[in-house]
Amino acid sequence: MNENLRIEHDSIGDLEVPADAYYGVQSLRGAENFKITGHMLHPLFIKNMAKIKKACAYANGYMGAFEKEKVDAIAKACDEIIAGGFMESFIVDAIQGGAGTSANMNANEVIANRAIEILGGKKGDYKIVHPNDHVNYGQSTNDVIPSAGKMTVIDLIKPLLESLNALVSAFDEKAKQFDGIIKMGRTQLQDAVPIRLGQEFAAYAAVIRRDIVRISNAEKDMHIVNMGGSAIGTCINVDPKYLEKIPTELTKVAGYELILADDLIDGTQNLDGFVNVSSALKTCAVNLSKIANDLRLMSSGPKTGIGEIALPAKQNGSSIMPGKINPVIPEVINQVAFLVIGHDATICAAAEAGQLELNAFEPVLFYQLFESISAMTNAINTFIENCVTGIRANKKQCQENVEKSAGIVTAMAPYIGYQRSAFIAKESLATGNSVRSIILRDNIMTEEELNEILDARGMTEPRAIKIKES
């Protein structure tokens, strides 16, 4: 017998496990079977499985399922994992078959072996604490894994919402700073009518505020879990006292309210809550990407493009063109948006693919959803720090663009009619003469009247139209 190994058994047969390993036979089989992404389970997901196991241990102790010393040992082992310990013992890939059974058993085995040590035993002596009979008592993969997934989404969304609120504040600040700067608005990338640069940034803040509401509303569904539903939501092998106690214990260990689904069968079968979160994230990603596109366009050039704003220079833009600076931060926002949009397609497919009483595809759904939230949070943070707060307005270029544009003739239409205004615009575009000079040349209006109508700020907000009698 090799002292560096121990023999463990499962329904497949015997398997050698490293003697000092906290994981066991089922974890090792999962690690060998699912060499998929090279990424292990998300650390927060691992900690949330431990929180669930701790809450279940206390609920089982409450109903007298096993003695207090086992409850306390399991709880202590869970606390050590919650504090960040034993992460290297979680060896299964994030994407796995079996609806997350390998992940659940990985947690059960690590907690059991650590609890055995706490009680003075030797790893693998499951007569003291058993992964299934004690750590997993009253549970199933099918209530543990989706509940841990929801708790992880809650944990990840909190910093995302903080970052989004900070982005709103940054846009609001720029809206105030740029309120007095008039520029040309554009539709279909063609000159339209004047707009204040501050108004554009205020609109960015407004759309992100809506995203915050959408994501916050979707997050509420994550507080409804199916713990106690056991295998398919029918509560097989679950004591009524345990079912009564588990939401209270879960809320204690989580630090926020978790409640049981009204229908535990529905709560076990369906993943629409995760789809709702992903949809809200995708909508936000689309909005962020559109804003990033705007910033790249407005800063384009800077000499031969629009050049109305300058983005902070963060790094060289070319290995061959000296002095070239690229809009790398908006570009990364675009790419994260593409990532989130793609992940949403995977999440929708995974949620749709469930059959009958269970969805087996939660692992890939969680893998993509967790990455979407984390990537968005990180992207928004760099967007604020390395782009938005440092944006400068090119006031002179903005003003020149307004004066050169034929678009301002729109303000004349209520006074001289659409057709005559169109002729003026056409001449201005053909000759390069300004709208103002053409109107004064043809004595269509006095300079005083023209100044009032073509007041740049007046063209960017509601005002009374003073029609002269003909």
Protein backbone atom coordinates (compact mmCIF):
# COMPACT_ATOMS: atom_id res chain seq x y z
CA MET A 1 0.00 0.00 0.00
CA ASN A 2 1.41 3.37 -1.05
CA GLU A 3 1.38 5.70 1.97
CA ASN A 4 0.90 8.64 -0.39
CA LEU A 5 -2.43 7.27 -1.60
CA ARG A 6 -5.73 6.16 -0.11
CA ILE A 7 -8.38 4.00 -1.74
CA GLU A 8 -11.88 5.43 -2.00
CA HIS A 9 -14.99 3.78 -3.38
CA ASP A 10 -18.06 4.91 -5.30
CA SER A 11 -20.67 3.23 -7.47
CA ILE A 12 -18.17 3.04 -10.34
CA GLY A 13 -15.56 1.21 -8.26
CA ASP A 14 -12.30 1.88 -6.41
CA LEU A 15 -9.98 4.79 -7.12
CA GLU A 16 -6.67 5.89 -5.66
CA VAL A 17 -6.79 9.39 -4.17
CA PRO A 18 -3.76 11.32 -2.85
CA ALA A 19 -3.61 10.63 0.88
CA ASP A 20 -3.35 14.30 1.80
CA ALA A 21 -6.16 15.42 -0.53
CA TYR A 22 -9.28 16.97 0.93
CA TYR A 23 -11.21 16.04 -2.20
CA GLY A 24 -12.32 12.46 -2.74
CA VAL A 25 -13.22 9.89 -5.34
CA GLN A 26 -16.15 11.72 -6.93
CA SER A 27 -14.23 14.98 -7.22
CA LEU A 28 -11.33 13.14 -8.84
CA ARG A 29 -13.57 11.39 -11.35
CA GLY A 30 -15.11 14.74 -12.23
CA ALA A 31 -11.69 16.30 -12.72
CA GLU A 32 -10.61 13.43 -14.96
CA ASN A 33 -13.81 13.42 -17.01
CA PHE A 34 -14.22 17.14 -17.57
CA LYS A 35 -10.98 18.67 -18.82
CA ILE A 36 -12.88 21.36 -20.66
CA THR A 37 -11.99 25.02 -20.00
CA GLY A 38 -9.00 24.76 -17.69
CA HIS A 39 -10.88 27.09 -15.34
CA MET A 40 -12.02 25.85 -11.98
CA LEU A 41 -15.25 26.81 -10.25
CA HIS A 42 -15.65 30.52 -9.49
CA PRO A 43 -14.27 31.24 -5.96
CA LEU A 44 -17.51 32.97 -4.96
CA PHE A 45 -19.50 29.97 -6.14
CA ILE A 46 -17.33 27.70 -3.99
CA LYS A 47 -17.83 29.96 -0.98
CA ASN A 48 -21.57 30.02 -1.56
CA MET A 49 -21.72 26.23 -1.70
CA ALA A 50 -19.96 26.27 1.67
CA LYS A 51 -22.48 28.78 3.02
CA ILE A 52 -25.31 26.51 1.92
CA LYS A 53 -23.66 23.47 3.53
CA LYS A 54 -23.22 25.42 6.76
CA ALA A 55 -26.85 26.52 6.77
CA CYS A 56 -27.96 22.95 6.06
CA ALA A 57 -25.79 21.60 8.88
CA TYR A 58 -27.47 23.97 11.33
CA ALA A 59 -30.92 23.12 9.99
CA ASN A 60 -30.11 19.42 10.36
CA GLY A 61 -28.84 20.02 13.87
CA TYR A 62 -32.06 21.85 14.69
CA MET A 63 -34.11 18.80 13.70
CA GLY A 64 -31.70 16.39 15.44
CA ALA A 65 -30.44 14.62 12.34
CA PHE A 66 -27.01 14.14 13.88
CA GLU A 67 -25.08 15.15 16.96
CA LYS A 68 -23.89 18.68 17.71
CA GLU A 69 -20.18 17.91 17.38
CA LYS A 70 -20.68 16.87 13.75
CA VAL A 71 -22.76 19.98 13.07
CA ASP A 72 -20.08 22.20 14.59
CA ALA A 73 -17.24 20.47 12.74
CA ILE A 74 -19.04 20.79 9.40
CA ALA A 75 -19.84 24.45 10.13
CA LYS A 76 -16.23 25.18 11.07
CA ALA A 77 -14.95 23.52 7.88
CA CYS A 78 -17.43 25.63 5.90
CA ASP A 79 -16.27 28.80 7.64
CA GLU A 80 -12.69 28.09 6.61
CA ILE A 81 -13.75 27.73 2.98
CA ILE A 82 -15.88 30.87 3.20
CA ALA A 83 -12.75 32.68 4.44
CA GLY A 84 -10.91 31.58 1.29
CA GLY A 85 -9.26 28.38 2.45
CA PHE A 86 -8.92 25.09 0.55
CA MET A 87 -9.59 26.65 -2.86
CA GLU A 88 -6.92 24.42 -4.41
CA SER A 89 -8.96 21.40 -3.31
CA PHE A 90 -11.81 22.31 -5.66
CA ILE A 91 -10.50 20.53 -8.71
CA VAL A 92 -13.45 20.12 -11.07
CA ASP A 93 -13.79 22.19 -14.23
CA ALA A 94 -16.35 24.98 -14.33
CA ILE A 95 -18.13 23.27 -17.24
CA GLN A 96 -19.12 19.70 -16.43
CA GLY A 97 -21.78 17.12 -17.16
CA GLY A 98 -24.16 15.95 -14.48
CA ALA A 99 -25.96 19.21 -13.68
CA GLY A 100 -23.18 20.17 -11.27
CA THR A 101 -23.00 16.91 -9.31
CA SER A 102 -19.20 16.95 -9.50
CA ALA A 103 -19.14 20.48 -8.05
CA ASN A 104 -21.54 19.55 -5.26
CA MET A 105 -19.61 16.40 -4.38
CA ASN A 106 -16.33 18.32 -4.51
CA ALA A 107 -17.75 20.58 -1.80
CA ASN A 108 -19.17 17.65 0.16
CA GLU A 109 -15.85 15.79 0.14
CA VAL A 110 -13.66 18.75 1.04
CA ILE A 111 -15.96 19.77 3.88
CA ALA A 112 -16.25 16.17 5.14
CA ASN A 113 -12.49 15.58 5.16
CA ARG A 114 -11.78 18.87 6.87
CA ALA A 115 -14.52 18.14 9.45
CA ILE A 116 -12.95 14.70 10.03
CA GLU A 117 -9.64 16.42 10.80
CA ILE A 118 -11.34 18.87 13.15
CA LEU A 119 -12.82 15.88 15.02
CA GLY A 120 -9.37 14.28 15.27
CA GLY A 121 -9.75 11.73 12.48
CA LYS A 122 -7.84 10.98 9.32
CA LYS A 123 -8.88 12.09 5.83
CA GLY A 124 -10.98 9.46 4.12
CA ASP A 125 -12.42 8.02 7.34
CA TYR A 126 -15.99 8.71 6.35
CA LYS A 127 -17.37 6.80 9.33
CA ILE A 128 -16.72 10.02 11.26
CA VAL A 129 -18.23 12.48 8.76
CA HIS A 130 -19.59 11.27 5.44
CA PRO A 131 -19.82 13.52 2.35
CA ASN A 132 -23.31 12.27 1.46
CA ASP A 133 -24.80 11.05 4.73
CA HIS A 134 -23.79 14.14 6.73
CA VAL A 135 -22.56 17.10 4.66
CA ASN A 136 -25.20 16.56 1.94
CA TYR A 137 -27.96 15.43 4.30
CA GLY A 138 -31.39 16.70 3.24
CA GLN A 139 -29.96 18.10 0.03
CA SER A 140 -29.48 17.32 -3.64
CA THR A 141 -27.21 18.72 -6.30
CA ASN A 142 -30.43 19.99 -7.81
CA ASP A 143 -31.19 22.44 -5.02
CA VAL A 144 -27.63 23.22 -3.89
CA ILE A 145 -26.18 24.16 -7.30
CA PRO A 146 -28.92 26.58 -8.52
CA SER A 147 -29.10 28.18 -5.07
CA ALA A 148 -25.31 28.68 -5.00
CA GLY A 149 -25.56 30.10 -8.52
CA LYS A 150 -28.16 32.64 -7.45
CA MET A 151 -26.14 33.68 -4.41
CA THR A 152 -23.06 34.14 -6.61
CA VAL A 153 -25.01 36.34 -9.04
CA ILE A 154 -26.15 38.47 -6.08
CA ASP A 155 -22.55 38.80 -4.86
CA LEU A 156 -21.24 39.73 -8.32
CA ILE A 157 -24.03 42.16 -9.18
CA LYS A 158 -23.40 44.32 -6.11
CA PRO A 159 -20.02 45.67 -7.36
CA LEU A 160 -21.42 45.92 -10.89
CA LEU A 161 -24.20 48.21 -9.68
CA GLU A 162 -21.67 50.27 -7.72
CA SER A 163 -19.60 50.68 -10.89
CA LEU A 164 -22.65 51.63 -12.95
CA ASN A 165 -23.66 54.25 -10.39
CA ALA A 166 -20.13 55.65 -10.50
CA LEU A 167 -20.37 55.80 -14.30
CA VAL A 168 -23.63 57.74 -14.06
CA SER A 169 -21.93 60.22 -11.73
CA ALA A 170 -19.01 60.60 -14.16
CA PHE A 171 -21.39 61.27 -17.07
CA ASP A 172 -23.40 63.72 -14.96
CA GLU A 173 -20.21 65.61 -14.13
CA LYS A 174 -19.26 65.81 -17.81
CA ALA A 175 -22.81 66.93 -18.66
CA LYS A 176 -22.40 69.90 -16.32
CA GLN A 177 -18.87 70.63 -17.51
CA PHE A 178 -19.87 70.61 -21.20
CA ASP A 179 -23.28 72.25 -20.86
CA GLY A 180 -22.21 75.47 -22.55
CA ILE A 181 -20.52 73.84 -25.54
CA ILE A 182 -22.63 73.84 -28.71
CA LYS A 183 -21.92 71.29 -31.43
CA MET A 184 -23.70 69.76 -34.38
CA GLY A 185 -25.99 66.86 -33.72
CA ARG A 186 -25.95 64.14 -36.35
CA THR A 187 -28.42 61.59 -37.62
CA GLN A 188 -27.32 58.81 -39.97
CA LEU A 189 -23.82 60.32 -39.52
CA GLN A 190 -24.99 63.44 -41.39
CA ASP A 191 -25.36 66.95 -39.98
CA ALA A 192 -28.72 67.42 -38.28
CA VAL A 193 -29.30 70.31 -35.84
CA PRO A 194 -27.23 71.78 -33.01
CA ILE A 195 -27.01 70.07 -29.62
CA ARG A 196 -25.07 70.88 -26.48
CA LEU A 197 -22.23 68.49 -25.76
CA GLY A 198 -23.50 68.39 -22.19
CA GLN A 199 -26.87 67.17 -23.41
CA GLU A 200 -25.22 64.19 -25.07
CA PHE A 201 -23.45 63.22 -21.85
CA ALA A 202 -26.65 63.72 -19.86
CA ALA A 203 -28.34 61.25 -22.21
CA TYR A 204 -25.56 58.73 -21.53
CA ALA A 205 -26.23 59.06 -17.81
CA ALA A 206 -29.98 58.61 -18.39
CA VAL A 207 -29.67 55.34 -20.31
CA ILE A 208 -27.28 53.86 -17.73
CA ARG A 209 -29.76 54.81 -14.98
CA ARG A 210 -32.35 52.67 -16.76
CA ASP A 211 -29.85 49.83 -16.93
CA ILE A 212 -29.33 50.07 -13.18
CA VAL A 213 -33.09 49.72 -12.64
CA ARG A 214 -33.32 46.76 -15.03
CA ILE A 215 -30.40 44.90 -13.44
CA SER A 216 -31.61 45.67 -9.91
CA ASN A 217 -35.07 44.32 -10.72
CA ALA A 218 -33.63 41.16 -12.28
CA GLU A 219 -31.41 40.64 -9.23
CA LYS A 220 -34.49 40.37 -7.00
CA ASP A 221 -35.34 36.99 -8.54
CA MET A 222 -32.00 35.67 -7.34
CA HIS A 223 -33.17 35.84 -3.72
CA ILE A 224 -35.76 33.11 -4.38
CA VAL A 225 -34.13 29.68 -4.02
CA ASN A 226 -35.25 26.05 -4.17
CA MET A 227 -33.35 24.73 -1.14
CA GLY A 228 -35.27 21.88 0.44
CA GLY A 229 -36.76 20.87 -2.88
CA SER A 230 -34.20 18.06 -3.04
CA ALA A 231 -33.96 16.09 -6.29
CA ILE A 232 -36.90 17.45 -8.31
CA GLY A 233 -38.69 19.84 -5.97
CA THR A 234 -40.91 17.24 -4.29
CA CYS A 235 -38.86 17.39 -1.04
CA ILE A 236 -38.00 13.68 -1.01
CA ASN A 237 -35.99 12.79 2.14
CA VAL A 238 -36.56 16.27 3.53
CA ASP A 239 -37.97 16.67 7.01
CA PRO A 240 -40.64 19.38 7.46
CA LYS A 241 -38.63 20.85 10.36
CA TYR A 242 -35.59 21.18 8.08
CA LEU A 243 -37.70 22.82 5.37
CA GLU A 244 -39.04 25.28 7.93
CA LYS A 245 -35.57 26.15 9.24
CA ILE A 246 -33.46 26.31 6.07
CA PRO A 247 -34.49 29.81 4.80
CA THR A 248 -33.66 31.35 8.18
CA GLU A 249 -30.26 29.67 8.32
CA LEU A 250 -29.49 30.56 4.69
CA THR A 251 -30.32 34.21 5.32
CA LYS A 252 -28.00 34.23 8.35
CA VAL A 253 -24.98 32.83 6.53
CA ALA A 254 -25.58 34.80 3.32
CA GLY A 255 -26.04 38.17 4.99
CA TYR A 256 -29.07 39.00 2.85
CA GLU A 257 -32.58 37.61 2.66
CA LEU A 258 -33.12 34.33 0.83
CA ILE A 259 -36.61 32.89 0.60
CA LEU A 260 -37.97 29.59 -0.65
CA ALA A 261 -39.81 29.46 -3.96
CA ASP A 262 -43.57 29.13 -3.61
CA ASP A 263 -43.38 26.15 -5.96
CA LEU A 264 -40.17 24.19 -5.40
CA ILE A 265 -40.81 22.03 -8.47
CA ASP A 266 -40.92 25.15 -10.63
CA GLY A 267 -37.87 26.45 -8.77
CA THR A 268 -35.95 23.28 -9.66
CA GLN A 269 -37.02 22.97 -13.29
CA ASN A 270 -36.73 26.50 -14.61
CA LEU A 271 -33.83 28.92 -15.03
CA ASP A 272 -35.74 31.92 -16.35
CA GLY A 273 -34.46 34.12 -13.51
CA PHE A 274 -30.91 33.71 -14.81
CA VAL A 275 -32.09 34.46 -18.35
CA ASN A 276 -33.68 37.65 -17.03
CA VAL A 277 -30.41 38.73 -15.42
CA SER A 278 -28.47 37.95 -18.59
CA SER A 279 -30.98 39.90 -20.67
CA ALA A 280 -30.58 42.96 -18.44
CA LEU A 281 -26.79 42.63 -18.72
CA LYS A 282 -27.01 42.34 -22.49
CA THR A 283 -29.16 45.47 -22.71
CA CYS A 284 -26.65 47.35 -20.61
CA ALA A 285 -23.78 46.05 -22.75
CA VAL A 286 -25.55 47.26 -25.89
CA ASN A 287 -25.99 50.71 -24.37
CA LEU A 288 -22.38 50.89 -23.20
CA SER A 289 -21.15 49.84 -26.64
CA LYS A 290 -23.26 52.51 -28.34
CA ILE A 291 -21.79 55.14 -26.00
CA ALA A 292 -18.29 53.85 -26.76
CA ASN A 293 -19.04 54.14 -30.49
CA ASP A 294 -20.13 57.75 -30.00
CA LEU A 295 -16.93 58.62 -28.14
CA ARG A 296 -14.79 57.03 -30.84
CA LEU A 297 -16.61 58.97 -33.54
CA MET A 298 -16.55 62.33 -31.75
CA SER A 299 -12.84 61.94 -31.02
CA SER A 300 -11.99 60.68 -34.51
CA GLY A 301 -9.12 62.30 -36.35
CA PRO A 302 -8.08 64.19 -34.40
CA LYS A 303 -7.21 66.50 -37.32
CA THR A 304 -9.03 64.86 -40.21
CA GLY A 305 -12.05 63.45 -38.39
CA ILE A 306 -14.77 64.98 -36.25
CA GLY A 307 -12.39 65.94 -33.46
CA GLU A 308 -15.00 67.46 -31.14
CA ILE A 309 -13.63 65.76 -28.03
CA ALA A 310 -10.26 64.40 -26.99
CA LEU A 311 -9.99 61.13 -25.10
CA PRO A 312 -7.16 60.59 -22.62
CA ALA A 313 -4.07 59.19 -24.33
CA LYS A 314 -3.38 55.86 -22.62
CA GLN A 315 -0.84 54.08 -24.82
CA ASN A 316 0.86 54.07 -28.21
CA GLY A 317 -1.58 53.19 -30.95
CA SER A 318 0.75 51.70 -33.52
CA SER A 319 3.97 49.78 -33.88
CA ILE A 320 4.66 51.53 -37.20
CA MET A 321 2.96 54.96 -37.10
CA PRO A 322 4.76 57.27 -34.65
CA GLY A 323 2.54 59.42 -32.46
CA LYS A 324 -0.68 57.57 -33.29
CA ILE A 325 -3.05 57.25 -30.31
CA ASN A 326 -6.05 54.95 -30.49
CA PRO A 327 -9.30 54.96 -28.46
CA VAL A 328 -8.35 51.75 -26.69
CA ILE A 329 -10.70 52.11 -23.71
CA PRO A 330 -13.90 52.55 -25.77
CA GLU A 331 -12.64 49.68 -27.93
CA VAL A 332 -12.45 47.37 -24.93
CA ILE A 333 -15.98 48.40 -23.94
CA ASN A 334 -17.12 47.33 -27.41
CA GLN A 335 -15.37 43.98 -27.05
CA VAL A 336 -16.83 43.27 -23.61
CA ALA A 337 -20.25 44.06 -25.07
CA PHE A 338 -19.65 41.49 -27.80
CA LEU A 339 -18.64 38.99 -25.10
CA VAL A 340 -21.77 39.61 -23.03
CA ILE A 341 -24.05 39.43 -26.06
CA GLY A 342 -22.50 36.10 -27.05
CA HIS A 343 -22.77 34.78 -23.51
CA ASP A 344 -26.44 35.74 -23.47
CA ALA A 345 -27.04 33.50 -26.49
CA THR A 346 -25.37 30.59 -24.65
CA ILE A 347 -27.36 31.29 -21.48
CA CYS A 348 -30.64 31.35 -23.40
CA ALA A 349 -29.77 28.07 -25.12
CA ALA A 350 -28.78 26.43 -21.83
CA ALA A 351 -31.97 27.53 -20.08
CA GLU A 352 -34.13 26.35 -22.98
CA ALA A 353 -32.40 22.95 -23.13
CA GLY A 354 -33.69 21.66 -19.80
CA GLN A 355 -36.05 18.70 -19.91
CA LEU A 356 -38.87 17.76 -17.58
CA GLU A 357 -37.90 18.06 -13.89
CA LEU A 358 -34.33 19.39 -14.23
CA ASN A 359 -31.98 21.49 -16.30
CA ALA A 360 -28.62 19.73 -16.64
CA PHE A 361 -26.90 22.69 -18.25
CA GLU A 362 -26.45 25.05 -15.31
CA PRO A 363 -22.63 24.71 -15.31
CA VAL A 364 -22.16 26.41 -18.69
CA LEU A 365 -24.87 28.94 -17.86
CA PHE A 366 -23.10 29.92 -14.64
CA TYR A 367 -19.68 29.97 -16.29
CA GLN A 368 -20.88 32.45 -18.91
CA LEU A 369 -23.09 34.51 -16.60
CA PHE A 370 -20.41 34.97 -13.94
CA GLU A 371 -17.92 36.03 -16.62
CA SER A 372 -20.40 38.49 -18.12
CA ILE A 373 -20.95 40.23 -14.77
CA SER A 374 -17.26 40.30 -13.83
CA ALA A 375 -16.09 41.46 -17.26
CA MET A 376 -18.68 44.25 -17.33
CA THR A 377 -17.70 45.42 -13.85
CA ASN A 378 -14.01 45.53 -14.75
CA ALA A 379 -14.68 47.20 -18.10
CA ILE A 380 -16.83 49.91 -16.53
CA ASN A 381 -14.18 50.62 -13.92
CA THR A 382 -11.49 51.15 -16.55
CA PHE A 383 -13.96 53.17 -18.66
CA ILE A 384 -14.47 55.61 -15.78
CA GLU A 385 -10.87 55.80 -14.65
CA ASN A 386 -9.07 55.77 -17.99
CA CYS A 387 -11.55 57.46 -20.29
CA VAL A 388 -14.69 59.27 -19.13
CA THR A 389 -13.25 61.40 -16.34
CA GLY A 390 -10.45 62.62 -18.61
CA ILE A 391 -12.48 63.56 -21.70
CA ARG A 392 -11.83 67.09 -22.91
CA ALA A 393 -14.01 69.14 -25.25
CA ASN A 394 -12.59 70.85 -28.34
CA LYS A 395 -14.80 73.92 -28.06
CA LYS A 396 -13.31 75.66 -31.08
CA GLN A 397 -13.86 72.68 -33.37
CA CYS A 398 -17.42 72.24 -32.09
CA GLN A 399 -18.21 75.89 -32.84
CA GLU A 400 -16.66 75.78 -36.31
CA ASN A 401 -18.65 72.68 -37.17
CA VAL A 402 -21.90 74.43 -36.19
CA GLU A 403 -21.09 77.54 -38.20
CA LYS A 404 -20.11 75.56 -41.31
CA SER A 405 -23.08 73.24 -41.21
CA ALA A 406 -26.18 73.72 -43.34
CA GLY A 407 -28.10 71.92 -40.62
CA ILE A 408 -28.85 75.12 -38.75
CA VAL A 409 -31.23 76.11 -41.51
CA THR A 410 -33.78 73.82 -39.83
CA ALA A 411 -34.32 76.60 -37.30
CA MET A 412 -35.41 78.86 -40.16
CA ALA A 413 -38.15 76.57 -41.45
CA PRO A 414 -40.95 77.87 -39.17
CA TYR A 415 -40.22 81.41 -40.38
CA ILE A 416 -39.50 81.05 -44.09
CA GLY A 417 -40.95 77.62 -44.85
CA TYR A 418 -39.45 74.21 -45.50
CA GLN A 419 -38.94 74.61 -49.25
CA ARG A 420 -37.12 77.93 -49.09
CA SER A 421 -34.99 76.61 -46.22
CA ALA A 422 -34.11 73.57 -48.33
CA PHE A 423 -32.93 75.79 -51.21
CA ILE A 424 -30.69 77.72 -48.81
CA ALA A 425 -29.25 74.48 -47.44
CA LYS A 426 -28.61 73.18 -50.96
CA GLU A 427 -26.77 76.36 -51.96
CA SER A 428 -24.74 76.32 -48.77
CA LEU A 429 -23.62 72.74 -49.41
CA ALA A 430 -22.83 73.44 -53.06
CA THR A 431 -20.95 76.71 -52.62
CA GLY A 432 -19.56 76.52 -49.10
CA ASN A 433 -21.26 79.80 -48.23
CA SER A 434 -22.75 79.80 -44.75
CA VAL A 435 -26.50 79.74 -44.16
CA ARG A 436 -26.16 83.04 -42.34
CA SER A 437 -24.39 84.78 -45.25
CA ILE A 438 -26.95 83.58 -47.81
CA ILE A 439 -29.92 84.82 -45.74
CA LEU A 440 -28.31 88.22 -45.19
CA ARG A 441 -27.25 88.50 -48.83
CA ASP A 442 -30.81 87.90 -50.04
CA ASN A 443 -32.35 90.18 -47.38
CA ILE A 444 -34.53 87.36 -46.14
CA MET A 445 -34.09 88.58 -42.58
CA THR A 446 -32.32 91.28 -40.70
CA GLU A 447 -29.15 90.43 -38.81
CA GLU A 448 -30.95 91.07 -35.52
CA GLU A 449 -33.74 88.65 -36.40
CA LEU A 450 -31.25 86.10 -37.64
CA ASN A 451 -29.18 86.30 -34.47
CA GLU A 452 -32.25 85.58 -32.38
CA ILE A 453 -33.35 82.59 -34.48
CA LEU A 454 -29.87 81.13 -34.90
CA ASP A 455 -28.90 81.57 -31.27
CA ALA A 456 -26.99 78.37 -30.75
CA ARG A 457 -28.25 77.58 -27.27
CA GLY A 458 -31.79 78.49 -28.26
CA MET A 459 -31.67 75.81 -30.93
CA THR A 460 -31.01 73.13 -28.30
CA GLU A 461 -34.12 73.55 -26.13
CA PRO A 462 -37.82 74.44 -26.47
CA ARG A 463 -38.67 78.08 -27.20
CA ALA A 464 -41.60 80.07 -28.50
CA ILE A 465 -41.76 80.49 -32.27
CA LYS A 466 -42.48 84.12 -33.21
CA ILE A 467 -44.03 83.95 -36.67
CA LYS A 468 -44.04 87.27 -38.49
CA GLU A 469 -47.24 88.27 -40.23
CA SER A 470 -46.88 88.08 -43.99
